[in-house]
Protein backbone atom coordinates (compact mmCIF):
# COMPACT_ATOMS: atom_id res chain seq x y z
CA UNK A 1 123.39 117.38 103.22
CA UNK A 2 119.82 116.53 104.25
CA UNK A 3 117.06 115.49 101.90
CA UNK A 4 113.93 117.58 101.59
CA UNK A 5 112.14 114.93 103.68
CA UNK A 6 114.37 115.34 106.73
CA UNK A 7 114.55 119.10 106.20
CA UNK A 8 110.75 119.41 106.22
CA UNK A 9 109.77 116.93 108.92
CA UNK A 10 107.69 118.93 111.37
CA UNK A 11 105.48 117.88 114.25
CA UNK A 12 101.83 117.48 113.29
CA UNK A 13 100.81 120.52 115.32
CA UNK A 14 103.81 122.83 115.05
CA UNK A 15 102.60 126.40 115.45
CA UNK A 16 99.61 125.40 117.59
CA UNK A 17 98.58 127.76 120.39
CA UNK A 18 100.36 127.16 123.68
CA UNK A 19 97.58 126.30 126.09
CA UNK A 20 99.61 125.17 129.06
CA UNK A 21 102.86 123.69 130.36
CA UNK A 22 104.66 120.99 128.33
CA UNK A 23 102.61 118.12 129.75
CA UNK A 24 99.33 119.80 128.85
CA UNK A 25 100.64 120.89 125.45
CA UNK A 26 101.72 117.33 124.68
CA UNK A 27 98.23 115.98 125.33
CA UNK A 28 96.58 118.76 123.32
CA UNK A 29 98.79 118.21 120.30
CA UNK A 30 98.19 114.45 120.35
CA UNK A 31 94.47 115.23 120.18
CA UNK A 32 94.85 117.74 117.36
CA UNK A 33 97.00 115.25 115.44
CA UNK A 34 93.86 113.77 113.88
CA UNK A 35 93.69 116.83 111.63
CA UNK A 36 97.09 116.06 110.11
CA UNK A 37 96.12 112.41 109.71
CA UNK A 38 92.94 113.42 107.89
CA UNK A 39 94.93 115.60 105.45
CA UNK A 40 97.21 112.69 104.55
CA UNK A 41 94.24 110.34 104.19
CA UNK A 42 92.50 112.82 101.88
CA UNK A 43 95.60 113.13 99.70
CA UNK A 44 95.65 109.34 99.37
CA UNK A 45 91.92 109.08 98.64
CA UNK A 46 92.10 111.78 95.97
CA UNK A 47 95.16 110.25 94.32
CA UNK A 48 97.01 113.56 94.33
CA UNK A 49 100.50 112.07 94.06
CA UNK A 50 99.64 110.12 90.90
CA UNK A 51 98.15 113.24 89.30
CA UNK A 52 101.44 115.19 89.54
CA UNK A 53 104.17 114.41 87.01
CA UNK A 54 107.73 115.66 86.82
CA UNK A 55 106.70 119.21 85.97
CA UNK A 56 104.91 121.66 88.29
CA UNK A 57 101.13 121.67 87.99
CA UNK A 58 98.58 124.38 88.68
CA UNK A 59 95.90 123.78 91.26
CA UNK A 60 93.27 124.13 88.53
CA UNK A 61 94.92 121.37 86.50
CA UNK A 62 95.27 119.20 89.57
CA UNK A 63 91.64 119.77 90.56
CA UNK A 64 90.49 118.73 87.08
CA UNK A 65 92.67 115.63 87.18
CA UNK A 66 91.31 114.37 90.52
CA UNK A 67 87.77 115.75 90.31
CA UNK A 68 88.03 118.31 93.11
CA UNK A 69 87.01 121.88 93.82
CA UNK A 70 90.04 124.05 93.06
CA UNK A 71 89.49 126.41 95.99
CA UNK A 72 89.12 123.61 98.54
CA UNK A 73 92.03 121.73 97.00
CA UNK A 74 94.22 124.82 97.41
CA UNK A 75 93.51 124.70 101.12
CA UNK A 76 94.40 121.00 101.33
CA UNK A 77 97.60 121.49 99.32
CA UNK A 78 98.58 124.32 101.65
CA UNK A 79 98.39 121.91 104.60
CA UNK A 80 100.28 119.15 102.78
CA UNK A 81 103.05 121.55 101.74
CA UNK A 82 103.45 122.60 105.37
CA UNK A 83 104.38 118.98 106.18
CA UNK A 84 106.77 118.67 103.26
CA UNK A 85 104.27 116.63 101.22
CA UNK A 86 104.56 118.42 97.83
CA UNK A 87 106.42 121.66 97.18
CA UNK A 88 104.84 125.00 96.35
CA UNK A 89 106.59 126.60 93.38
CA UNK A 90 104.52 129.76 93.47
CA UNK A 91 100.91 130.84 93.99
CA UNK A 92 98.73 127.89 93.00
CA UNK A 93 101.62 125.86 91.51
CA UNK A 94 102.86 122.60 93.01
CA UNK A 95 105.51 119.97 92.35
CA UNK A 96 106.65 116.76 93.97
CA UNK A 97 108.75 116.44 97.09
CA UNK A 98 110.37 113.19 98.20
CA UNK A 99 107.44 112.64 100.56
CA UNK A 100 104.77 113.12 97.90
CA UNK A 101 106.64 110.86 95.46
CA UNK A 102 106.51 108.17 98.15
CA UNK A 103 102.70 108.36 97.91
CA UNK A 104 102.60 107.49 94.20
CA UNK A 105 101.08 104.12 93.34
CA UNK A 106 104.29 103.14 91.54
CA UNK A 107 106.49 103.88 94.58
CA UNK A 108 108.22 100.83 96.09
CA UNK A 109 106.63 101.08 99.54
CA UNK A 110 102.96 101.15 98.39
CA UNK A 111 102.45 103.85 100.99
CA UNK A 112 99.05 104.94 99.72
CA UNK A 113 97.72 101.38 100.05
CA UNK A 114 98.86 101.42 103.67
CA UNK A 115 97.24 104.79 104.32
CA UNK A 116 93.94 103.57 102.84
CA UNK A 117 93.85 100.23 104.66
CA UNK A 118 91.18 101.33 107.11
CA UNK A 119 88.93 103.22 104.72
CA UNK A 120 86.00 105.27 105.96
CA UNK A 121 84.93 102.46 108.30
CA UNK A 122 88.22 102.77 110.16
CA UNK A 123 87.65 106.45 110.90
CA UNK A 124 84.15 105.69 112.11
CA UNK A 125 85.36 102.95 114.47
CA UNK A 126 87.97 105.13 116.16
CA UNK A 127 85.23 107.67 116.80
CA UNK A 128 83.53 104.97 118.89
CA UNK A 129 86.50 104.26 121.15
CA UNK A 130 84.97 105.67 124.34
CA UNK A 131 81.80 103.70 123.64
CA UNK A 132 83.75 100.46 123.23
CA UNK A 133 85.76 101.13 126.38
CA UNK A 134 82.51 101.61 128.32
CA UNK A 135 80.92 98.43 126.97
CA UNK A 136 83.96 96.25 126.30
CA UNK A 137 82.36 95.33 122.98
CA UNK A 138 83.70 95.41 119.43
CA UNK A 139 82.58 98.65 117.76
CA UNK A 140 82.48 97.13 114.27
CA UNK A 141 80.27 94.22 115.29
CA UNK A 142 77.98 96.54 117.24
CA UNK A 143 77.70 98.96 114.29
CA UNK A 144 77.30 96.57 111.36
CA UNK A 145 75.95 93.44 113.06
CA UNK A 146 78.68 91.28 111.50
CA UNK A 147 82.43 90.84 111.63
CA UNK A 148 84.79 92.78 109.39
CA UNK A 149 85.50 90.06 106.84
CA UNK A 150 81.84 89.08 106.50
CA UNK A 151 81.15 92.78 105.86
CA UNK A 152 83.79 92.84 103.15
CA UNK A 153 82.30 89.73 101.53
CA UNK A 154 78.63 90.74 101.74
CA UNK A 155 78.65 94.53 101.66
CA UNK A 156 81.85 96.07 100.34
CA UNK A 157 84.17 93.95 98.20
CA UNK A 158 86.18 97.01 97.14
CA UNK A 159 86.96 97.93 100.77
CA UNK A 160 88.03 94.36 101.39
CA UNK A 161 90.41 94.38 98.43
CA UNK A 162 91.83 97.73 99.52
CA UNK A 163 92.34 96.36 103.02
CA UNK A 164 94.16 93.30 101.69
CA UNK A 165 96.42 95.51 99.53
CA UNK A 166 97.25 97.59 102.58
CA UNK A 167 98.01 94.52 104.68
CA UNK A 168 100.23 93.17 101.90
CA UNK A 169 102.15 96.45 101.69
CA UNK A 170 102.74 96.52 105.44
CA UNK A 171 103.75 92.88 105.33
CA UNK A 172 106.23 93.51 102.53
CA UNK A 173 107.90 96.26 104.56
CA UNK A 174 108.47 93.89 107.51
CA UNK A 175 109.24 90.72 105.56
CA UNK A 176 113.06 91.13 105.41
CA UNK A 177 113.26 91.14 109.20
CA UNK A 178 110.96 88.14 109.46
CA UNK A 179 112.88 86.14 106.83
CA UNK A 180 116.16 86.81 108.63
CA UNK A 181 114.77 85.81 112.04
CA UNK A 182 112.83 82.68 111.00
CA UNK A 183 114.98 79.53 110.86
CA UNK A 184 113.67 77.14 108.20
CA UNK A 185 116.73 74.91 108.04
CA UNK A 186 115.69 71.26 107.80
CA UNK A 187 112.12 72.26 106.83
CA UNK A 188 110.63 70.75 103.69
CA UNK A 189 107.26 72.55 103.68
CA UNK A 190 105.73 75.43 105.57
CA UNK A 191 102.10 76.54 105.50
CA UNK A 192 101.09 80.19 105.84
CA UNK A 193 97.67 79.98 107.51
CA UNK A 194 95.54 82.97 106.55
CA UNK A 195 98.38 84.23 104.37
CA UNK A 196 96.35 86.63 102.23
CA UNK A 197 97.88 87.45 98.85
CA UNK A 198 101.09 85.63 99.75
CA UNK A 199 103.57 88.43 100.41
CA UNK A 200 105.26 86.54 103.25
CA UNK A 201 105.26 83.27 101.30
CA UNK A 202 107.01 84.95 98.39
CA UNK A 203 109.70 86.45 100.62
CA UNK A 204 110.30 83.19 102.47
CA UNK A 205 110.55 81.19 99.23
CA UNK A 206 113.02 83.70 97.85
CA UNK A 207 115.11 83.51 101.01
CA UNK A 208 114.92 79.72 101.41
CA UNK A 209 115.37 78.01 98.02
CA UNK A 210 115.18 74.52 99.57
CA UNK A 211 111.64 75.00 100.97
CA UNK A 212 108.16 74.49 99.53
CA UNK A 213 105.11 76.41 100.70
CA UNK A 214 101.36 76.15 101.09
CA UNK A 215 99.40 79.40 100.97
CA UNK A 216 96.12 78.76 102.79
CA UNK A 217 93.24 81.22 102.99
CA UNK A 218 89.66 81.85 101.98
CA UNK A 219 88.62 82.14 98.31
CA UNK A 220 88.80 85.94 98.00
CA UNK A 221 92.44 85.93 99.14
CA UNK A 222 93.62 82.92 97.13
CA UNK A 223 91.88 84.22 94.00
CA UNK A 224 93.98 87.39 94.33
CA UNK A 225 97.26 85.65 95.22
CA UNK A 226 100.42 87.19 93.81
CA UNK A 227 100.94 86.23 90.14
CA UNK A 228 104.36 84.73 90.79
CA UNK A 229 102.74 82.27 93.20
CA UNK A 230 99.83 81.40 90.89
CA UNK A 231 101.91 80.86 87.76
CA UNK A 232 104.62 78.34 87.01
CA UNK A 233 108.21 79.34 87.61
CA UNK A 234 110.84 79.31 90.33
CA UNK A 235 108.32 80.36 93.01
CA UNK A 236 105.01 79.14 91.65
CA UNK A 237 106.33 75.59 91.21
CA UNK A 238 107.17 75.52 94.93
CA UNK A 239 103.89 76.95 96.21
CA UNK A 240 100.54 75.20 96.54
CA UNK A 241 97.48 77.45 96.80
CA UNK A 242 94.78 75.94 99.00
CA UNK A 243 91.33 77.36 99.76
CA UNK A 244 89.83 76.60 103.13
CA UNK A 245 88.81 77.68 106.60
CA UNK A 246 91.37 77.34 109.40
CA UNK A 247 88.54 76.81 111.90
CA UNK A 248 87.73 73.57 110.09
CA UNK A 249 91.11 72.22 109.01
CA UNK A 250 94.68 73.18 108.16
CA UNK A 251 96.91 71.60 105.48
CA UNK A 252 99.81 69.38 106.55
CA UNK A 253 103.26 70.98 106.89
CA UNK A 254 106.44 70.86 108.94
CA UNK A 255 105.94 74.45 110.10
CA UNK A 256 102.67 76.36 110.34
CA UNK A 257 102.95 80.15 110.26
CA UNK A 258 100.12 82.37 111.44
CA UNK A 259 100.77 86.04 110.89
CA UNK A 260 98.70 88.73 112.65
CA UNK A 261 95.61 86.53 112.71
CA UNK A 262 95.14 85.27 116.26
CA UNK A 263 95.15 88.78 117.67
CA UNK A 264 91.79 89.26 115.95
CA UNK A 265 90.05 86.53 117.96
CA UNK A 266 89.15 85.48 121.48
CA UNK A 267 90.96 82.59 123.17
CA UNK A 268 88.57 79.76 122.28
CA UNK A 269 88.73 80.60 118.58
CA UNK A 270 92.53 80.75 118.73
CA UNK A 271 92.59 77.37 120.47
CA UNK A 272 90.54 75.82 117.64
CA UNK A 273 93.02 77.02 115.02
CA UNK A 274 96.08 75.96 117.00
CA UNK A 275 94.63 72.48 117.62
CA UNK A 276 93.99 72.16 113.89
CA UNK A 277 97.66 73.00 113.31
CA UNK A 278 98.69 70.33 115.82
CA UNK A 279 96.52 67.75 114.03
CA UNK A 280 98.02 68.72 110.66
CA UNK A 281 101.57 68.71 111.96
CA UNK A 282 103.83 65.96 113.23
CA UNK A 283 105.93 65.19 116.27
CA UNK A 284 108.55 67.91 116.50
CA UNK A 285 106.64 70.14 114.10
CA UNK A 286 106.46 73.85 114.82
CA UNK A 287 103.77 76.48 114.97
CA UNK A 288 105.11 80.03 114.67
CA UNK A 289 102.94 83.05 115.33
CA UNK A 290 103.98 86.44 113.97
CA UNK A 291 102.33 88.88 116.31
CA UNK A 292 102.95 92.00 118.31
CA UNK A 293 103.28 91.64 122.06
CA UNK A 294 101.84 94.01 124.59
CA UNK A 295 103.24 94.57 128.06
CA UNK A 296 102.36 96.67 131.13
CA UNK A 297 103.61 99.29 130.65
CA UNK A 298 103.73 98.95 126.83
CA UNK A 299 107.13 99.03 125.16
CA UNK A 300 105.86 101.38 122.43
CA UNK A 301 102.69 103.41 121.74
CA UNK A 302 102.22 101.34 118.55
CA UNK A 303 101.71 98.16 120.60
CA UNK A 304 99.04 99.82 122.71
CA UNK A 305 97.32 101.46 119.74
CA UNK A 306 97.14 98.18 117.83
CA UNK A 307 95.56 96.61 120.90
CA UNK A 308 92.84 99.30 120.82
CA UNK A 309 92.43 98.81 117.08
CA UNK A 310 91.68 95.13 117.69
CA UNK A 311 89.08 96.06 120.32
CA UNK A 312 87.34 98.37 117.88
CA UNK A 313 87.52 96.41 114.65
CA UNK A 314 87.77 92.70 115.44
CA UNK A 315 86.96 92.19 119.12
CA UNK A 316 90.38 90.62 119.69
CA UNK A 317 93.44 91.90 121.52
CA UNK A 318 97.21 91.95 121.61
CA UNK A 319 98.58 89.46 124.15
CA UNK A 320 101.57 89.14 126.43
CA UNK A 321 104.23 86.47 125.95
CA UNK A 322 102.86 84.62 128.98
CA UNK A 323 99.34 84.63 127.50
CA UNK A 324 100.72 83.02 124.35
CA UNK A 325 102.56 80.45 126.46
CA UNK A 326 99.26 79.47 128.10
CA UNK A 327 97.60 79.39 124.66
CA UNK A 328 100.21 77.00 123.23
CA UNK A 329 100.06 74.71 126.25
CA UNK A 330 96.26 74.60 126.13
CA UNK A 331 96.48 73.49 122.49
CA UNK A 332 98.84 70.65 123.43
CA UNK A 333 102.17 72.21 122.48
CA UNK A 334 105.36 73.15 124.24
CA UNK A 335 106.01 76.90 124.27
CA UNK A 336 109.58 77.39 123.04
CA UNK A 337 109.96 81.15 123.25
CA UNK A 338 109.92 84.53 121.51
CA UNK A 339 112.33 85.80 118.86
CA UNK A 340 112.56 89.50 117.89
CA UNK A 341 112.57 90.37 114.19
CA UNK A 342 113.67 94.00 114.24
CA UNK A 343 110.05 94.93 113.40
CA UNK A 344 106.96 95.27 115.60
CA UNK A 345 106.35 91.55 115.02
CA UNK A 346 107.86 88.79 117.14
CA UNK A 347 108.18 85.10 116.30
CA UNK A 348 106.20 83.33 119.03
CA UNK A 349 106.84 79.61 118.77
CA UNK A 350 105.44 76.32 119.97
CA UNK A 351 106.54 72.77 119.25
CA UNK A 352 104.33 69.70 118.82
CA UNK A 353 105.37 66.93 121.30
């Protein structure tokens, strides 16, 4: 027996007009897919899932709860129902489906935080893709005159916090695979460089009771670190929270982890951070990057799309395994290889001579 999720999974553009043979239709439907994405984003922004309880709700009640126009909301709900996000119980009456329950803020996967990671600025940047491809320049920097994290700090703290929550939710979903793949036997202390709220640190401490951790990031991230890392207890007593800038220094540790950070920067900036890790490490110490890899041709569309996202938002890029090998060697380390994690991330490792 299938759940209502599997029963109602439909392609984003099912029912679209047939405009040509399969190859042409495939391209057209990829293009139209932005409409479906916008509907899901709107549902997240409006908080529709949190406004529906266990009983069916009328569209008028739902519109009042989320501050929306009832007529326009009816049209949005119609689209969401067509994808299996909410059920329609009758004219203007809606209830939860498994998919809509997954969008509630109290759902385990924090799906809405993930959907809202990019905010309105993310939509705007993807609209500038052709422009960035022509120029080779970062759309965000060209638009705002500053990098993303400076923008968060100076212009939009709320967007920055939402982005960090989204990153943490995505991290949490991939952490089990990372914990299983990362060997910390014989390690006394690891440092998560640019570790955000500490989702990965928490998972690694839980999975490795013999290890201590250092969570290292800028003030806005450390100030919002997970409570179990900030407070005393089985995890907090084993975790040191340190504020700093990885371009200036990195705390000492046996293993330095850098998760989805270097792909945001050009090679010289990456070299600075890796050299700081070498200086803070010791002979035989390890530096482990958790990054996606890109190949020609790409293994998955996700790898290629993340590479474009870095072009638009940060000015960085996804790299090949060989490019990381060169990067480690330039920083004075031995490249020791790549380990899959069962997620889009790989463990890309170097060892200090």
